[in-house]
N, C-alpha and C. Protein backbone atom coordinates (compact mmCIF):
# COMPACT_ATOMS: atom_id res chain seq x y z
N MET A 1 92.72 70.14 82.19
CA MET A 1 90.94 69.26 82.91
C MET A 1 90.05 69.78 82.12
N CYS A 2 88.88 69.43 81.59
CA CYS A 2 87.89 70.38 81.09
C CYS A 2 86.41 69.54 81.80
N LEU A 3 85.71 70.38 81.93
CA LEU A 3 84.35 70.06 82.39
C LEU A 3 83.46 71.22 81.52
N THR A 4 82.69 70.05 80.83
CA THR A 4 81.44 71.17 79.74
C THR A 4 80.42 70.48 80.21
N MET A 5 79.08 70.93 79.73
CA MET A 5 78.02 70.48 79.76
C MET A 5 77.21 69.97 79.03
N ALA A 6 77.08 68.73 78.93
CA ALA A 6 76.76 68.05 77.25
C ALA A 6 75.95 66.77 77.32
N LYS A 7 75.04 66.42 76.81
CA LYS A 7 74.39 65.12 76.68
C LYS A 7 75.54 64.33 77.17
N SER A 8 76.77 63.66 76.32
CA SER A 8 77.96 62.77 76.59
C SER A 8 78.40 63.10 78.20
N PRO A 9 79.30 62.14 78.53
CA PRO A 9 79.35 62.49 79.85
C PRO A 9 80.78 63.35 79.72
N ILE A 10 80.93 63.90 80.81
CA ILE A 10 82.27 64.68 81.03
C ILE A 10 83.37 64.27 81.43
N VAL A 11 84.44 64.16 80.91
CA VAL A 11 85.89 63.85 81.29
C VAL A 11 86.56 64.60 81.50
N VAL A 12 87.13 64.65 82.72
CA VAL A 12 88.45 65.12 83.74
C VAL A 12 89.81 64.74 83.06
N ALA A 13 90.22 64.91 81.91
CA ALA A 13 91.43 64.61 81.42
C ALA A 13 92.60 64.43 82.32
N GLU A 14 93.33 63.54 82.34
CA GLU A 14 94.87 63.95 82.89
C GLU A 14 94.87 63.86 84.83
N ASP A 15 94.48 64.66 85.22
CA ASP A 15 94.50 65.24 86.63
C ASP A 15 93.09 64.62 87.20
N ALA A 16 93.14 63.83 88.05
CA ALA A 16 92.05 63.15 88.86
C ALA A 16 91.47 64.02 89.88
N VAL A 17 90.00 63.68 89.66
CA VAL A 17 89.32 64.76 90.83
C VAL A 17 89.89 64.00 92.11
N ARG A 18 90.19 64.41 93.45
CA ARG A 18 90.51 63.89 94.82
C ARG A 18 89.54 64.41 95.60
N HIS A 19 88.68 65.47 95.36
CA HIS A 19 88.24 66.10 96.46
C HIS A 19 86.72 66.32 95.63
N ILE A 20 85.61 65.92 96.29
CA ILE A 20 84.24 66.57 95.65
C ILE A 20 83.66 67.25 96.79
N THR A 21 83.23 68.39 96.39
CA THR A 21 82.15 69.28 97.40
C THR A 21 80.95 69.67 97.00
N VAL A 22 79.53 68.94 97.56
CA VAL A 22 78.90 69.01 96.65
C VAL A 22 77.41 69.89 98.08
N GLY A 23 76.70 70.51 97.18
CA GLY A 23 75.51 71.26 97.85
C GLY A 23 74.43 71.35 97.65
N GLY A 24 73.55 71.63 98.20
CA GLY A 24 71.58 71.96 97.40
C GLY A 24 71.34 70.04 96.99
N ASN A 25 70.38 70.52 96.70
CA ASN A 25 69.52 69.78 95.94
C ASN A 25 70.24 68.73 94.66
N VAL A 26 71.05 68.05 95.56
CA VAL A 26 72.24 67.27 94.36
C VAL A 26 72.25 65.67 94.65
N ASP A 27 71.79 64.39 94.22
CA ASP A 27 71.81 63.27 94.46
C ASP A 27 73.04 63.01 93.83
N LEU A 28 74.05 62.43 94.71
CA LEU A 28 75.37 62.19 94.16
C LEU A 28 75.75 60.31 93.76
N VAL A 29 75.90 59.74 92.62
CA VAL A 29 76.34 58.49 92.86
C VAL A 29 77.65 58.42 92.37
N ILE A 30 78.37 57.88 93.29
CA ILE A 30 79.80 57.33 93.18
C ILE A 30 80.40 56.20 92.96
N ARG A 31 80.91 56.01 91.95
CA ARG A 31 81.38 54.71 91.56
C ARG A 31 83.17 54.74 91.02
N GLN A 32 83.56 53.59 91.92
CA GLN A 32 85.30 53.56 90.92
C GLN A 32 85.31 53.19 89.72
N ASN A 33 86.12 53.93 89.28
CA ASN A 33 86.45 53.97 87.78
C ASN A 33 87.84 53.30 87.97
N THR A 34 87.69 51.88 86.85
CA THR A 34 88.68 51.29 86.72
C THR A 34 89.88 51.52 85.63
N LYS A 35 89.98 52.86 85.19
CA LYS A 35 90.68 53.49 84.38
C LYS A 35 90.98 54.68 85.13
N PRO A 36 92.06 55.36 84.61
CA PRO A 36 92.77 56.62 85.65
C PRO A 36 92.03 58.04 85.18
N GLY A 37 91.77 58.41 85.84
CA GLY A 37 91.00 60.15 85.19
C GLY A 37 89.52 59.96 85.90
N THR A 38 88.64 60.28 86.26
CA THR A 38 87.45 61.31 86.38
C THR A 38 86.65 61.15 85.38
N ILE A 39 85.15 60.74 85.63
CA ILE A 39 84.13 60.99 84.42
C ILE A 39 83.07 61.34 85.55
N VAL A 40 82.19 62.45 84.51
CA VAL A 40 81.22 63.07 85.68
C VAL A 40 79.98 63.18 84.59
N LYS A 41 78.77 62.26 84.58
CA LYS A 41 77.57 62.22 83.85
C LYS A 41 76.57 63.30 84.66
N ILE A 42 75.84 64.24 83.62
CA ILE A 42 74.62 64.70 84.19
C ILE A 42 73.73 64.71 83.54
N ASP A 43 72.39 63.82 83.11
CA ASP A 43 71.35 64.11 82.43
C ASP A 43 71.06 65.06 81.65
N GLY A 44 70.81 65.77 80.50
CA GLY A 44 70.91 66.74 79.58
C GLY A 44 69.81 67.63 80.24
N LYS A 45 68.95 66.77 80.74
CA LYS A 45 67.34 67.88 81.40
C LYS A 45 68.03 68.79 82.73
N ASP A 46 69.06 67.93 83.47
CA ASP A 46 69.56 68.89 84.47
C ASP A 46 70.56 69.77 84.34
N LYS A 47 71.69 69.94 83.20
CA LYS A 47 72.27 70.20 83.17
C LYS A 47 72.38 72.15 83.23
N GLU A 48 71.04 72.96 83.17
CA GLU A 48 70.81 74.43 83.21
C GLU A 48 70.63 74.65 84.09
N ARG A 49 70.55 73.24 85.36
CA ARG A 49 70.11 73.20 86.89
C ARG A 49 71.43 73.12 87.78
N LEU A 50 72.23 72.90 87.44
CA LEU A 50 73.40 72.41 87.88
C LEU A 50 74.41 73.71 88.00
N LYS A 51 75.11 73.83 88.97
CA LYS A 51 76.46 75.11 88.78
C LYS A 51 77.61 73.84 89.05
N ALA A 52 78.54 73.63 88.28
CA ALA A 52 79.72 72.62 88.30
C ALA A 52 80.42 73.44 87.96
N GLY A 53 82.07 73.17 89.00
CA GLY A 53 83.41 73.92 88.31
C GLY A 53 84.55 72.52 89.04
N ILE A 54 85.84 73.26 88.59
CA ILE A 54 86.70 72.49 89.04
C ILE A 54 87.85 73.46 89.24
N ALA A 55 88.49 73.19 90.17
CA ALA A 55 89.51 73.95 90.42
C ALA A 55 90.75 73.17 90.93
N GLY A 56 91.93 72.69 90.24
CA GLY A 56 93.09 72.42 90.60
C GLY A 56 92.04 70.53 90.66
N SER A 57 92.56 69.65 92.06
CA SER A 57 91.71 68.38 92.09
C SER A 57 90.48 68.43 92.62
N ASP A 58 89.67 69.62 92.68
CA ASP A 58 88.44 69.69 93.25
C ASP A 58 87.48 69.72 92.55
N LEU A 59 86.41 69.08 92.76
CA LEU A 59 85.20 69.04 91.93
C LEU A 59 84.30 69.87 92.58
N TYR A 60 83.51 70.89 92.27
CA TYR A 60 82.45 71.29 93.01
C TYR A 60 80.90 71.47 92.16
N LEU A 61 79.93 70.84 92.78
CA LEU A 61 78.33 70.50 92.43
C LEU A 61 77.91 71.28 93.51
N ASN A 62 76.79 72.03 92.80
CA ASN A 62 75.37 72.66 93.42
C ASN A 62 74.46 72.96 92.84
N SER A 63 72.92 72.79 93.06
CA SER A 63 71.98 73.77 92.46
C SER A 63 70.86 73.71 93.75
N SER A 64 70.29 75.26 93.50
CA SER A 64 69.49 75.14 94.31
C SER A 64 68.34 75.57 93.75
N ASP A 65 67.92 74.34 92.80
CA ASP A 65 66.78 74.71 92.45
C ASP A 65 65.75 73.70 93.42
N ASP A 66 64.49 73.39 93.01
CA ASP A 66 63.52 72.89 93.89
C ASP A 66 63.94 71.63 93.55
N GLU A 67 64.01 70.89 92.19
CA GLU A 67 63.82 69.68 91.71
C GLU A 67 65.53 69.14 92.17
N ARG A 68 65.69 67.65 92.41
CA ARG A 68 66.80 67.22 92.32
C ARG A 68 67.84 67.04 91.45
N VAL A 69 68.84 67.33 91.33
CA VAL A 69 69.95 67.10 90.28
C VAL A 69 70.27 65.32 90.74
N VAL A 70 70.70 64.88 89.17
CA VAL A 70 71.33 63.31 90.02
C VAL A 70 72.31 63.46 89.01
N VAL A 71 74.10 63.54 89.89
CA VAL A 71 75.15 63.60 88.84
C VAL A 71 75.35 62.15 89.43
N TYR A 72 76.44 61.64 88.28
CA TYR A 72 76.90 60.30 88.51
C TYR A 72 78.75 60.48 88.24
N VAL A 73 79.40 59.92 89.10
CA VAL A 73 80.76 60.59 89.45
C VAL A 73 81.44 58.82 89.44
N TRP A 74 82.35 58.72 88.09
CA TRP A 74 83.42 57.40 88.31
C TRP A 74 84.67 58.39 88.54
N ALA A 75 85.30 57.54 89.66
CA ALA A 75 86.43 58.34 90.24
C ALA A 75 87.42 57.34 90.37
N ASP A 76 89.14 57.14 90.38
CA ASP A 76 89.76 56.66 90.45
C ASP A 76 90.41 56.94 92.07
N ASP A 77 90.48 58.02 92.02
CA ASP A 77 91.44 58.30 93.13
C ASP A 77 90.81 59.14 93.95
N LEU A 78 89.57 59.24 94.39
CA LEU A 78 89.07 60.16 95.40
C LEU A 78 89.02 59.67 96.85
N GLU A 79 89.83 60.47 97.29
CA GLU A 79 89.92 61.35 98.78
C GLU A 79 89.09 61.74 99.53
N THR A 80 88.14 62.52 99.19
CA THR A 80 87.30 63.28 100.69
C THR A 80 85.95 63.85 99.73
N LEU A 81 84.78 63.52 100.35
CA LEU A 81 83.74 64.25 99.54
C LEU A 81 82.97 65.22 101.20
N THR A 82 82.83 66.06 100.70
CA THR A 82 82.05 67.00 101.39
C THR A 82 81.00 67.76 101.08
N VAL A 83 79.64 67.13 102.26
CA VAL A 83 78.53 67.18 102.02
C VAL A 83 78.04 68.88 102.52
N LYS A 84 77.42 69.70 101.69
CA LYS A 84 76.72 70.37 102.25
C LYS A 84 75.27 70.88 102.26
N LYS A 85 74.56 70.81 103.03
CA LYS A 85 73.09 70.64 103.03
C LYS A 85 72.62 69.66 102.05
N ASN A 86 71.54 69.30 102.71
CA ASN A 86 70.25 68.22 101.64
C ASN A 86 70.49 67.53 100.96
N LEU A 87 71.86 66.85 100.86
CA LEU A 87 72.25 65.56 100.03
C LEU A 87 71.74 64.63 100.50
N SER A 88 70.60 63.61 100.05
CA SER A 88 70.02 62.80 100.93
C SER A 88 70.64 61.57 100.37
N GLN A 89 71.36 60.93 99.19
CA GLN A 89 71.88 59.42 98.81
C GLN A 89 73.45 59.81 98.25
N PHE A 90 74.33 58.79 98.58
CA PHE A 90 75.17 59.04 98.24
C PHE A 90 75.86 57.30 97.97
N LYS A 91 76.34 56.77 97.00
CA LYS A 91 77.07 55.39 97.30
C LYS A 91 78.55 55.31 96.58
N SER A 92 79.54 54.86 97.45
CA SER A 92 80.98 55.17 97.45
C SER A 92 81.74 53.73 97.17
N ALA A 93 82.49 53.49 96.20
CA ALA A 93 83.22 52.18 96.19
C ALA A 93 84.54 52.51 96.72
N SER A 94 84.91 53.61 97.04
CA SER A 94 85.73 54.00 98.07
C SER A 94 86.11 55.50 98.18
N LEU A 95 86.10 55.62 99.47
CA LEU A 95 86.06 56.73 99.85
C LEU A 95 86.81 56.57 101.39
N ASN A 96 87.58 57.59 101.58
CA ASN A 96 88.64 58.00 102.50
C ASN A 96 87.86 58.65 103.77
N SER A 97 87.36 59.84 103.28
CA SER A 97 86.97 60.73 104.03
C SER A 97 85.75 61.15 103.90
N ILE A 98 84.63 61.46 104.37
CA ILE A 98 83.79 62.23 104.48
C ILE A 98 83.08 63.29 105.26
N THR A 99 82.97 64.55 104.85
CA THR A 99 82.66 65.50 105.96
C THR A 99 81.61 66.24 105.54
N SER A 100 81.14 66.68 106.99
CA SER A 100 79.65 67.14 106.68
C SER A 100 79.82 68.47 106.91
N ALA A 101 79.44 69.59 106.24
CA ALA A 101 80.07 71.04 106.22
C ALA A 101 78.77 71.47 106.84
């Protein structure tokens, strides 16, 4: 799996992201991916303000900046979304579980 911040989308190859944990000032847009795997896109201006990481099939997104950071995720097999403070909007095509922590 690979997660790099760049102008082009971040492609998480082979193993799909199954769990997302979001915290801080992050606006998350989730879409169904028609192909296997996960794609994450962050605007270039936001990449310095976002802390992101992958551990196994878990994607972690956080921003403590005062301005909101918009993150787009296309996932084919997302199972859970955990929200930790200040997430104001999200859209999902197929989520089995949403947890607020």
